[in-house]
Amino acid sequence: ASLAMVSATVIQYYIYNSTVCGKFMNGCEDAEGNKIRSPLNVWIQS
């Protein structure tokens, strides 16, 4: 379980460093009101 959370920590770190939103990814939108998402594919959460 500890290893699982270490991997989640690493994923979250790269999410924060993958877009212009930085550490405010939740609710981050572009000028047109579309939600900005990290380019990281969701399946790395496996």
All heavy atoms as atom14 arrays in JSON, in Angstrom:
{
  "sequence": "ASLAMVSATVIQYYIYNSTVCGKFMNGCEDAEGNKIRSPLNVWIQS",
  "atom14_mask": [
    [1, 1, 1, 1, 1, 0, 0, 0, 0, 0, 0, 0, 0, 0],
    [1, 1, 1, 1, 1, 1, 0, 0, 0, 0, 0, 0, 0, 0],
    [1, 1, 1, 1, 1, 1, 1, 1, 0, 0, 0, 0, 0, 0],
    [1, 1, 1, 1, 1, 0, 0, 0, 0, 0, 0, 0, 0, 0],
    [1, 1, 1, 1, 1, 1, 1, 1, 0, 0, 0, 0, 0, 0],
    [1, 1, 1, 1, 1, 1, 1, 0, 0, 0, 0, 0, 0, 0],
    [1, 1, 1, 1, 1, 1, 0, 0, 0, 0, 0, 0, 0, 0],
    [1, 1, 1, 1, 1, 0, 0, 0, 0, 0, 0, 0, 0, 0],
    [1, 1, 1, 1, 1, 1, 1, 0, 0, 0, 0, 0, 0, 0],
    [1, 1, 1, 1, 1, 1, 1, 0, 0, 0, 0, 0, 0, 0],
    [1, 1, 1, 1, 1, 1, 1, 1, 0, 0, 0, 0, 0, 0],
    [1, 1, 1, 1, 1, 1, 1, 1, 1, 0, 0, 0, 0, 0],
    [1, 1, 1, 1, 1, 1, 1, 1, 1, 1, 1, 1, 0, 0],
    [1, 1, 1, 1, 1, 1, 1, 1, 1, 1, 1, 1, 0, 0],
    [1, 1, 1, 1, 1, 1, 1, 1, 0, 0, 0, 0, 0, 0],
    [1, 1, 1, 1, 1, 1, 1, 1, 1, 1, 1, 1, 0, 0],
    [1, 1, 1, 1, 1, 1, 1, 1, 0, 0, 0, 0, 0, 0],
    [1, 1, 1, 1, 1, 1, 0, 0, 0, 0, 0, 0, 0, 0],
    [1, 1, 1, 1, 1, 1, 1, 0, 0, 0, 0, 0, 0, 0],
    [1, 1, 1, 1, 1, 1, 1, 0, 0, 0, 0, 0, 0, 0],
    [1, 1, 1, 1, 1, 1, 0, 0, 0, 0, 0, 0, 0, 0],
    [1, 1, 1, 1, 0, 0, 0, 0, 0, 0, 0, 0, 0, 0],
    [1, 1, 1, 1, 1, 1, 1, 1, 1, 0, 0, 0, 0, 0],
    [1, 1, 1, 1, 1, 1, 1, 1, 1, 1, 1, 0, 0, 0],
    [1, 1, 1, 1, 1, 1, 1, 1, 0, 0, 0, 0, 0, 0],
    [1, 1, 1, 1, 1, 1, 1, 1, 0, 0, 0, 0, 0, 0],
    [1, 1, 1, 1, 0, 0, 0, 0, 0, 0, 0, 0, 0, 0],
    [1, 1, 1, 1, 1, 1, 0, 0, 0, 0, 0, 0, 0, 0],
    [1, 1, 1, 1, 1, 1, 1, 1, 1, 0, 0, 0, 0, 0],
    [1, 1, 1, 1, 1, 1, 1, 1, 0, 0, 0, 0, 0, 0],
    [1, 1, 1, 1, 1, 0, 0, 0, 0, 0, 0, 0, 0, 0],
    [1, 1, 1, 1, 1, 1, 1, 1, 1, 0, 0, 0, 0, 0],
    [1, 1, 1, 1, 0, 0, 0, 0, 0, 0, 0, 0, 0, 0],
    [1, 1, 1, 1, 1, 1, 1, 1, 0, 0, 0, 0, 0, 0],
    [1, 1, 1, 1, 1, 1, 1, 1, 1, 0, 0, 0, 0, 0],
    [1, 1, 1, 1, 1, 1, 1, 1, 0, 0, 0, 0, 0, 0],
    [1, 1, 1, 1, 1, 1, 1, 1, 1, 1, 1, 0, 0, 0],
    [1, 1, 1, 1, 1, 1, 0, 0, 0, 0, 0, 0, 0, 0],
    [1, 1, 1, 1, 1, 1, 1, 0, 0, 0, 0, 0, 0, 0],
    [1, 1, 1, 1, 1, 1, 1, 1, 0, 0, 0, 0, 0, 0],
    [1, 1, 1, 1, 1, 1, 1, 1, 0, 0, 0, 0, 0, 0],
    [1, 1, 1, 1, 1, 1, 1, 0, 0, 0, 0, 0, 0, 0],
    [1, 1, 1, 1, 1, 1, 1, 1, 1, 1, 1, 1, 1, 1],
    [1, 1, 1, 1, 1, 1, 1, 1, 0, 0, 0, 0, 0, 0],
    [1, 1, 1, 1, 1, 1, 1, 1, 1, 0, 0, 0, 0, 0],
    [1, 1, 1, 1, 1, 1, 0, 0, 0, 0, 0, 0, 0, 0]
  ],
  "atom14_positions": [
    [[0.84, -1.2, 0.0], [0.0, 0.0, 0.0], [0.87, 1.25, 0.0], [0.54, 2.26, -0.66], [-0.93, -0.01, 1.21], [0.0, 0.0, 0.0], [0.0, 0.0, 0.0], [0.0, 0.0, 0.0], [0.0, 0.0, 0.0], [0.0, 0.0, 0.0], [0.0, 0.0, 0.0], [0.0, 0.0, 0.0], [0.0, 0.0, 0.0], [0.0, 0.0, 0.0]],
    [[1.97, 1.21, 0.72], [2.89, 2.35, 0.73], [3.48, 2.59, -0.66], [3.57, 3.74, -1.13], [4.02, 2.1, 1.74], [4.92, 3.18, 1.76], [0.0, 0.0, 0.0], [0.0, 0.0, 0.0], [0.0, 0.0, 0.0], [0.0, 0.0, 0.0], [0.0, 0.0, 0.0], [0.0, 0.0, 0.0], [0.0, 0.0, 0.0], [0.0, 0.0, 0.0]],
    [[3.86, 1.51, -1.34], [4.38, 1.65, -2.71], [3.32, 2.23, -3.65], [3.64, 3.03, -4.54], [4.84, 0.28, -3.23], [6.14, -0.27, -2.64], [6.4, -1.69, -3.17], [7.31, 0.63, -2.98], [0.0, 0.0, 0.0], [0.0, 0.0, 0.0], [0.0, 0.0, 0.0], [0.0, 0.0, 0.0], [0.0, 0.0, 0.0], [0.0, 0.0, 0.0]],
    [[2.07, 1.86, -3.45], [1.0, 2.41, -4.27], [0.92, 3.92, -4.12], [0.76, 4.66, -5.11], [-0.34, 1.78, -3.88], [0.0, 0.0, 0.0], [0.0, 0.0, 0.0], [0.0, 0.0, 0.0], [0.0, 0.0, 0.0], [0.0, 0.0, 0.0], [0.0, 0.0, 0.0], [0.0, 0.0, 0.0], [0.0, 0.0, 0.0], [0.0, 0.0, 0.0]],
    [[1.04, 4.41, -2.9], [0.95, 5.85, -2.67], [2.21, 6.58, -3.14], [2.14, 7.75, -3.53], [0.7, 6.12, -1.19], [-0.69, 5.7, -0.73], [-2.03, 6.52, -1.68], [-2.48, 5.21, -2.84], [0.0, 0.0, 0.0], [0.0, 0.0, 0.0], [0.0, 0.0, 0.0], [0.0, 0.0, 0.0], [0.0, 0.0, 0.0], [0.0, 0.0, 0.0]],
    [[3.35, 5.91, -3.11], [4.56, 6.52, -3.68], [4.36, 6.75, -5.18], [4.69, 7.82, -5.71], [5.79, 5.62, -3.44], [6.99, 6.1, -4.26], [6.16, 5.61, -1.96], [0.0, 0.0, 0.0], [0.0, 0.0, 0.0], [0.0, 0.0, 0.0], [0.0, 0.0, 0.0], [0.0, 0.0, 0.0], [0.0, 0.0, 0.0], [0.0, 0.0, 0.0]],
    [[3.78, 5.77, -5.86], [3.53, 5.93, -7.3], [2.51, 7.03, -7.56], [2.64, 7.8, -8.52], [3.06, 4.6, -7.91], [1.81, 4.2, -7.37], [0.0, 0.0, 0.0], [0.0, 0.0, 0.0], [0.0, 0.0, 0.0], [0.0, 0.0, 0.0], [0.0, 0.0, 0.0], [0.0, 0.0, 0.0], [0.0, 0.0, 0.0], [0.0, 0.0, 0.0]],
    [[1.48, 7.16, -6.7], [0.49, 8.23, -6.86], [1.14, 9.6, -6.64], [0.78, 10.58, -7.31], [-0.66, 8.03, -5.88], [0.0, 0.0, 0.0], [0.0, 0.0, 0.0], [0.0, 0.0, 0.0], [0.0, 0.0, 0.0], [0.0, 0.0, 0.0], [0.0, 0.0, 0.0], [0.0, 0.0, 0.0], [0.0, 0.0, 0.0], [0.0, 0.0, 0.0]],
    [[2.08, 9.66, -5.72], [2.81, 10.92, -5.48], [3.58, 11.34, -6.72], [3.56, 12.52, -7.12], [3.78, 10.74, -4.29], [3.06, 10.32, -3.13], [4.51, 12.04, -3.99], [0.0, 0.0, 0.0], [0.0, 0.0, 0.0], [0.0, 0.0, 0.0], [0.0, 0.0, 0.0], [0.0, 0.0, 0.0], [0.0, 0.0, 0.0], [0.0, 0.0, 0.0]],
    [[4.26, 10.39, -7.34], [5.05, 10.69, -8.54], [4.13, 11.15, -9.67], [4.42, 12.13, -10.39], [5.86, 9.45, -8.97], [6.55, 9.7, -10.31], [6.89, 9.1, -7.9], [0.0, 0.0, 0.0], [0.0, 0.0, 0.0], [0.0, 0.0, 0.0], [0.0, 0.0, 0.0], [0.0, 0.0, 0.0], [0.0, 0.0, 0.0], [0.0, 0.0, 0.0]],
    [[2.99, 10.48, -9.85], [2.04, 10.86, -10.9], [1.54, 12.28, -10.68], [1.48, 13.1, -11.61], [0.86, 9.87, -10.95], [1.34, 8.49, -11.44], [-0.26, 10.39, -11.85], [0.28, 7.41, -11.31], [0.0, 0.0, 0.0], [0.0, 0.0, 0.0], [0.0, 0.0, 0.0], [0.0, 0.0, 0.0], [0.0, 0.0, 0.0], [0.0, 0.0, 0.0]],
    [[1.2, 12.6, -9.43], [0.68, 13.95, -9.13], [1.75, 15.01, -9.37], [1.46, 16.11, -9.88], [0.19, 14.02, -7.69], [-0.55, 15.3, -7.36], [-1.83, 15.46, -8.16], [-2.65, 14.54, -8.21], [-2.02, 16.62, -8.79], [0.0, 0.0, 0.0], [0.0, 0.0, 0.0], [0.0, 0.0, 0.0], [0.0, 0.0, 0.0], [0.0, 0.0, 0.0]],
    [[3.0, 14.7, -9.07], [4.1, 15.64, -9.31], [4.2, 15.97, -10.8], [4.33, 17.15, -11.18], [5.41, 15.03, -8.81], [6.63, 15.84, -9.17], [7.01, 16.95, -8.42], [7.4, 15.5, -10.29], [8.13, 17.71, -8.76], [8.52, 16.25, -10.64], [8.88, 17.34, -9.87], [9.99, 18.09, -10.23], [0.0, 0.0, 0.0], [0.0, 0.0, 0.0]],
    [[4.12, 14.96, -11.64], [4.23, 15.2, -13.08], [2.98, 15.87, -13.65], [3.08, 16.62, -14.63], [4.54, 13.88, -13.81], [6.0, 13.5, -13.72], [6.43, 12.52, -12.84], [6.96, 14.16, -14.49], [7.78, 12.18, -12.73], [8.31, 13.83, -14.4], [8.71, 12.85, -13.52], [10.04, 12.54, -13.42], [0.0, 0.0, 0.0], [0.0, 0.0, 0.0]],
    [[1.82, 15.62, -13.06], [0.62, 16.35, -13.48], [0.81, 17.84, -13.24], [0.49, 18.68, -14.1], [-0.62, 15.83, -12.72], [-1.01, 14.43, -13.21], [-1.81, 16.79, -12.89], [-2.13, 13.79, -12.41], [0.0, 0.0, 0.0], [0.0, 0.0, 0.0], [0.0, 0.0, 0.0], [0.0, 0.0, 0.0], [0.0, 0.0, 0.0], [0.0, 0.0, 0.0]],
    [[1.32, 18.19, -12.07], [1.53, 19.59, -11.73], [2.56, 20.27, -12.65], [2.53, 21.49, -12.8], [2.0, 19.72, -10.28], [0.9, 19.68, -9.26], [1.18, 19.44, -7.91], [-0.43, 19.9, -9.61], [0.19, 19.44, -6.96], [-1.43, 19.88, -8.66], [-1.13, 19.65, -7.33], [-2.13, 19.64, -6.38], [0.0, 0.0, 0.0], [0.0, 0.0, 0.0]],
    [[3.43, 19.5, -13.22], [4.49, 20.08, -14.05], [4.26, 19.85, -15.55], [5.19, 20.03, -16.34], [5.85, 19.48, -13.66], [6.33, 19.98, -12.31], [6.94, 21.03, -12.2], [6.05, 19.21, -11.27], [0.0, 0.0, 0.0], [0.0, 0.0, 0.0], [0.0, 0.0, 0.0], [0.0, 0.0, 0.0], [0.0, 0.0, 0.0], [0.0, 0.0, 0.0]],
    [[3.03, 19.51, -15.93], [2.79, 19.16, -17.34], [1.99, 20.22, -18.11], [1.89, 20.12, -19.33], [2.04, 17.82, -17.41], [0.78, 17.91, -16.77], [0.0, 0.0, 0.0], [0.0, 0.0, 0.0], [0.0, 0.0, 0.0], [0.0, 0.0, 0.0], [0.0, 0.0, 0.0], [0.0, 0.0, 0.0], [0.0, 0.0, 0.0], [0.0, 0.0, 0.0]],
    [[1.41, 21.22, -17.42], [0.62, 22.24, -18.11], [0.9, 23.62, -17.52], [1.56, 23.75, -16.48], [-0.9, 21.95, -17.98], [-1.32, 22.23, -16.65], [-1.23, 20.52, -18.34], [0.0, 0.0, 0.0], [0.0, 0.0, 0.0], [0.0, 0.0, 0.0], [0.0, 0.0, 0.0], [0.0, 0.0, 0.0], [0.0, 0.0, 0.0], [0.0, 0.0, 0.0]],
    [[0.33, 24.62, -18.16], [0.48, 25.99, -17.67], [-0.3, 26.22, -16.39], [-0.1, 27.23, -15.7], [-0.01, 27.0, -18.75], [0.87, 26.93, -19.97], [-1.48, 26.73, -19.11], [0.0, 0.0, 0.0], [0.0, 0.0, 0.0], [0.0, 0.0, 0.0], [0.0, 0.0, 0.0], [0.0, 0.0, 0.0], [0.0, 0.0, 0.0], [0.0, 0.0, 0.0]],
    [[-1.19, 25.28, -16.03], [-1.98, 25.43, -14.81], [-1.14, 25.22, -13.56], [-1.54, 25.61, -12.46], [-3.14, 24.43, -14.81], [-4.29, 24.62, -16.19], [0.0, 0.0, 0.0], [0.0, 0.0, 0.0], [0.0, 0.0, 0.0], [0.0, 0.0, 0.0], [0.0, 0.0, 0.0], [0.0, 0.0, 0.0], [0.0, 0.0, 0.0], [0.0, 0.0, 0.0]],
    [[0.01, 24.55, -13.72], [0.88, 24.3, -12.57], [0.19, 23.46, -11.51], [-0.37, 22.41, -11.8], [0.0, 0.0, 0.0], [0.0, 0.0, 0.0], [0.0, 0.0, 0.0], [0.0, 0.0, 0.0], [0.0, 0.0, 0.0], [0.0, 0.0, 0.0], [0.0, 0.0, 0.0], [0.0, 0.0, 0.0], [0.0, 0.0, 0.0], [0.0, 0.0, 0.0]],
    [[0.2, 23.97, -10.27], [-0.36, 23.23, -9.15], [-1.85, 23.5, -8.92], [-2.37, 23.25, -7.83], [0.43, 23.56, -7.88], [1.88, 23.09, -7.94], [2.6, 23.36, -6.63], [4.04, 22.86, -6.69], [4.76, 23.1, -5.42], [0.0, 0.0, 0.0], [0.0, 0.0, 0.0], [0.0, 0.0, 0.0], [0.0, 0.0, 0.0], [0.0, 0.0, 0.0]],
    [[-2.53, 24.0, -9.96], [-3.96, 24.29, -9.84], [-4.7, 23.66, -11.01], [-5.36, 24.33, -11.79], [-4.19, 25.8, -9.77], [-3.61, 26.42, -8.53], [-2.31, 26.93, -8.55], [-4.33, 26.48, -7.36], [-1.77, 27.5, -7.41], [-3.79, 27.05, -6.21], [-2.5, 27.56, -6.24], [0.0, 0.0, 0.0], [0.0, 0.0, 0.0], [0.0, 0.0, 0.0]],
    [[-4.59, 22.33, -11.11], [-5.18, 21.61, -12.23], [-6.69, 21.47, -12.12], [-7.4, 21.5, -13.11], [-4.56, 20.22, -12.34], [-3.15, 20.23, -12.93], [-3.12, 20.8, -14.64], [-4.17, 19.61, -15.43], [0.0, 0.0, 0.0], [0.0, 0.0, 0.0], [0.0, 0.0, 0.0], [0.0, 0.0, 0.0], [0.0, 0.0, 0.0], [0.0, 0.0, 0.0]],
    [[-7.22, 21.29, -10.91], [-8.66, 21.13, -10.74], [-9.37, 22.45, -11.07], [-9.1, 23.49, -10.48], [-8.98, 20.72, -9.3], [-8.63, 19.28, -9.02], [-9.22, 18.36, -9.58], [-7.64, 19.07, -8.17], [0.0, 0.0, 0.0], [0.0, 0.0, 0.0], [0.0, 0.0, 0.0], [0.0, 0.0, 0.0], [0.0, 0.0, 0.0], [0.0, 0.0, 0.0]],
    [[-10.26, 22.4, -12.04], [-11.01, 23.59, -12.42], [-10.25, 24.53, -13.34], [-10.73, 25.62, -13.64], [0.0, 0.0, 0.0], [0.0, 0.0, 0.0], [0.0, 0.0, 0.0], [0.0, 0.0, 0.0], [0.0, 0.0, 0.0], [0.0, 0.0, 0.0], [0.0, 0.0, 0.0], [0.0, 0.0, 0.0], [0.0, 0.0, 0.0], [0.0, 0.0, 0.0]],
    [[-9.08, 24.11, -13.83], [-8.3, 24.97, -14.73], [-8.92, 24.94, -16.14], [-9.16, 23.87, -16.7], [-6.86, 24.49, -14.78], [-5.77, 25.54, -15.77], [0.0, 0.0, 0.0], [0.0, 0.0, 0.0], [0.0, 0.0, 0.0], [0.0, 0.0, 0.0], [0.0, 0.0, 0.0], [0.0, 0.0, 0.0], [0.0, 0.0, 0.0], [0.0, 0.0, 0.0]],
    [[-9.19, 26.1, -16.7], [-9.84, 26.2, -18.01], [-9.07, 27.16, -18.92], [-8.34, 28.03, -18.45], [-11.28, 26.7, -17.85], [-12.16, 25.77, -17.03], [-13.57, 26.32, -16.87], [-13.78, 27.51, -17.19], [-14.46, 25.56, -16.43], [0.0, 0.0, 0.0], [0.0, 0.0, 0.0], [0.0, 0.0, 0.0], [0.0, 0.0, 0.0], [0.0, 0.0, 0.0]],
    [[-9.26, 26.95, -20.23], [-8.63, 27.85, -21.17], [-9.53, 29.07, -21.4], [-10.58, 29.22, -20.75], [-8.32, 27.13, -22.49], [-9.57, 26.56, -23.17], [-10.69, 27.04, -22.84], [-9.45, 25.66, -24.0], [0.0, 0.0, 0.0], [0.0, 0.0, 0.0], [0.0, 0.0, 0.0], [0.0, 0.0, 0.0], [0.0, 0.0, 0.0], [0.0, 0.0, 0.0]],
    [[-9.14, 29.94, -22.34], [-9.89, 31.19, -22.58], [-11.31, 30.93, -23.05], [-12.21, 31.77, -22.86], [-9.14, 32.05, -23.6], [0.0, 0.0, 0.0], [0.0, 0.0, 0.0], [0.0, 0.0, 0.0], [0.0, 0.0, 0.0], [0.0, 0.0, 0.0], [0.0, 0.0, 0.0], [0.0, 0.0, 0.0], [0.0, 0.0, 0.0], [0.0, 0.0, 0.0]],
    [[-11.54, 29.78, -23.66], [-12.87, 29.45, -24.17], [-13.72, 28.68, -23.16], [-14.83, 28.25, -23.47], [-12.74, 28.65, -25.47], [-12.02, 29.42, -26.58], [-11.84, 28.57, -27.83], [-12.21, 27.35, -27.77], [-11.35, 29.1, -28.84], [0.0, 0.0, 0.0], [0.0, 0.0, 0.0], [0.0, 0.0, 0.0], [0.0, 0.0, 0.0], [0.0, 0.0, 0.0]],
    [[-13.18, 28.5, -22.0], [-13.93, 27.81, -20.96], [-13.84, 26.31, -20.99], [-14.58, 25.63, -20.28], [0.0, 0.0, 0.0], [0.0, 0.0, 0.0], [0.0, 0.0, 0.0], [0.0, 0.0, 0.0], [0.0, 0.0, 0.0], [0.0, 0.0, 0.0], [0.0, 0.0, 0.0], [0.0, 0.0, 0.0], [0.0, 0.0, 0.0], [0.0, 0.0, 0.0]],
    [[-12.92, 25.76, -21.81], [-12.74, 24.32, -21.86], [-11.75, 23.87, -20.79], [-10.75, 24.54, -20.54], [-12.22, 23.89, -23.24], [-13.2, 24.21, -24.34], [-14.41, 23.97, -24.2], [-12.71, 24.77, -25.44], [0.0, 0.0, 0.0], [0.0, 0.0, 0.0], [0.0, 0.0, 0.0], [0.0, 0.0, 0.0], [0.0, 0.0, 0.0], [0.0, 0.0, 0.0]],
    [[-12.04, 22.74, -20.17], [-11.18, 22.23, -19.11], [-9.82, 21.83, -19.67], [-9.72, 21.12, -20.67], [-11.82, 21.0, -18.43], [-11.02, 20.44, -17.26], [-11.77, 19.3, -16.6], [-10.96, 18.69, -15.45], [-10.72, 19.64, -14.36], [0.0, 0.0, 0.0], [0.0, 0.0, 0.0], [0.0, 0.0, 0.0], [0.0, 0.0, 0.0], [0.0, 0.0, 0.0]],
    [[-8.75, 22.31, -19.05], [-7.39, 21.95, -19.44], [-6.99, 20.68, -18.69], [-7.13, 20.59, -17.47], [-6.4, 23.08, -19.13], [-6.73, 24.32, -19.96], [-4.96, 22.63, -19.38], [-5.83, 25.51, -19.67], [0.0, 0.0, 0.0], [0.0, 0.0, 0.0], [0.0, 0.0, 0.0], [0.0, 0.0, 0.0], [0.0, 0.0, 0.0], [0.0, 0.0, 0.0]],
    [[-6.49, 19.7, -19.43], [-6.08, 18.43, -18.83], [-4.6, 18.19, -19.07], [-4.02, 18.66, -20.04], [-6.89, 17.27, -19.41], [-8.4, 17.38, -19.18], [-9.13, 16.18, -19.79], [-10.57, 16.34, -19.72], [-11.32, 15.97, -18.69], [-10.74, 15.43, -17.64], [-12.63, 16.15, -18.72], [0.0, 0.0, 0.0], [0.0, 0.0, 0.0], [0.0, 0.0, 0.0]],
    [[-4.01, 17.43, -18.18], [-2.6, 17.04, -18.34], [-2.47, 16.1, -19.55], [-3.36, 15.27, -19.8], [-2.11, 16.34, -17.08], [-0.85, 15.73, -17.31], [0.0, 0.0, 0.0], [0.0, 0.0, 0.0], [0.0, 0.0, 0.0], [0.0, 0.0, 0.0], [0.0, 0.0, 0.0], [0.0, 0.0, 0.0], [0.0, 0.0, 0.0], [0.0, 0.0, 0.0]],
    [[-1.37, 16.2, -20.31], [-1.17, 15.26, -21.42], [-0.9, 13.83, -20.95], [-0.89, 12.9, -21.77], [0.03, 15.84, -22.15], [0.76, 16.65, -21.13], [-0.3, 17.21, -20.23], [0.0, 0.0, 0.0], [0.0, 0.0, 0.0], [0.0, 0.0, 0.0], [0.0, 0.0, 0.0], [0.0, 0.0, 0.0], [0.0, 0.0, 0.0], [0.0, 0.0, 0.0]],
    [[-0.69, 13.63, -19.67], [-0.45, 12.28, -19.15], [-1.71, 11.43, -19.33], [-2.81, 11.85, -18.97], [-0.07, 12.34, -17.67], [1.25, 13.05, -17.32], [1.45, 13.08, -15.81], [2.42, 12.35, -17.99], [0.0, 0.0, 0.0], [0.0, 0.0, 0.0], [0.0, 0.0, 0.0], [0.0, 0.0, 0.0], [0.0, 0.0, 0.0], [0.0, 0.0, 0.0]],
    [[-1.53, 10.23, -19.87], [-2.65, 9.34, -20.1], [-3.14, 8.76, -18.77], [-2.36, 8.35, -17.91], [-2.25, 8.2, -21.04], [-3.46, 7.42, -21.52], [-4.11, 6.71, -20.78], [-3.76, 7.58, -22.82], [0.0, 0.0, 0.0], [0.0, 0.0, 0.0], [0.0, 0.0, 0.0], [0.0, 0.0, 0.0], [0.0, 0.0, 0.0], [0.0, 0.0, 0.0]],
    [[-4.46, 8.71, -18.6], [-5.05, 8.29, -17.33], [-4.67, 6.86, -16.96], [-4.67, 6.5, -15.78], [-6.58, 8.45, -17.39], [-7.19, 7.39, -18.3], [-7.2, 8.39, -16.0], [0.0, 0.0, 0.0], [0.0, 0.0, 0.0], [0.0, 0.0, 0.0], [0.0, 0.0, 0.0], [0.0, 0.0, 0.0], [0.0, 0.0, 0.0], [0.0, 0.0, 0.0]],
    [[-4.3, 6.04, -17.93], [-4.03, 4.62, -17.63], [-2.74, 4.41, -16.85], [-2.49, 3.3, -16.36], [-4.01, 3.8, -18.92], [-5.39, 3.68, -19.5], [-5.89, 4.33, -20.58], [-6.45, 2.85, -19.0], [-7.21, 3.99, -20.8], [-7.57, 3.07, -19.84], [-6.57, 1.97, -17.95], [-8.78, 2.42, -19.64], [-7.78, 1.32, -17.74], [-8.87, 1.55, -18.59]],
    [[-1.92, 5.45, -16.69], [-0.73, 5.26, -15.84], [-1.15, 5.11, -14.37], [-0.33, 4.69, -13.53], [0.29, 6.43, -15.99], [-0.31, 7.74, -15.48], [0.77, 6.54, -17.41], [0.7, 8.88, -15.48], [0.0, 0.0, 0.0], [0.0, 0.0, 0.0], [0.0, 0.0, 0.0], [0.0, 0.0, 0.0], [0.0, 0.0, 0.0], [0.0, 0.0, 0.0]],
    [[-2.41, 5.41, -14.07], [-2.89, 5.15, -12.71], [-3.01, 3.66, -12.41], [-3.27, 3.27, -11.27], [-4.26, 5.8, -12.51], [-4.23, 7.3, -12.24], [-5.58, 7.79, -11.73], [-6.63, 7.32, -12.15], [-5.55, 8.77, -10.84], [0.0, 0.0, 0.0], [0.0, 0.0, 0.0], [0.0, 0.0, 0.0], [0.0, 0.0, 0.0], [0.0, 0.0, 0.0]],
    [[-2.81, 2.83, -13.41], [-2.87, 1.39, -13.16], [-1.84, 0.96, -12.11], [-2.06, 0.0, -11.38], [-2.64, 0.61, -14.46], [-1.39, 0.94, -15.03], [0.0, 0.0, 0.0], [0.0, 0.0, 0.0], [0.0, 0.0, 0.0], [0.0, 0.0, 0.0], [0.0, 0.0, 0.0], [0.0, 0.0, 0.0], [0.0, 0.0, 0.0], [0.0, 0.0, 0.0]]
  ]
}
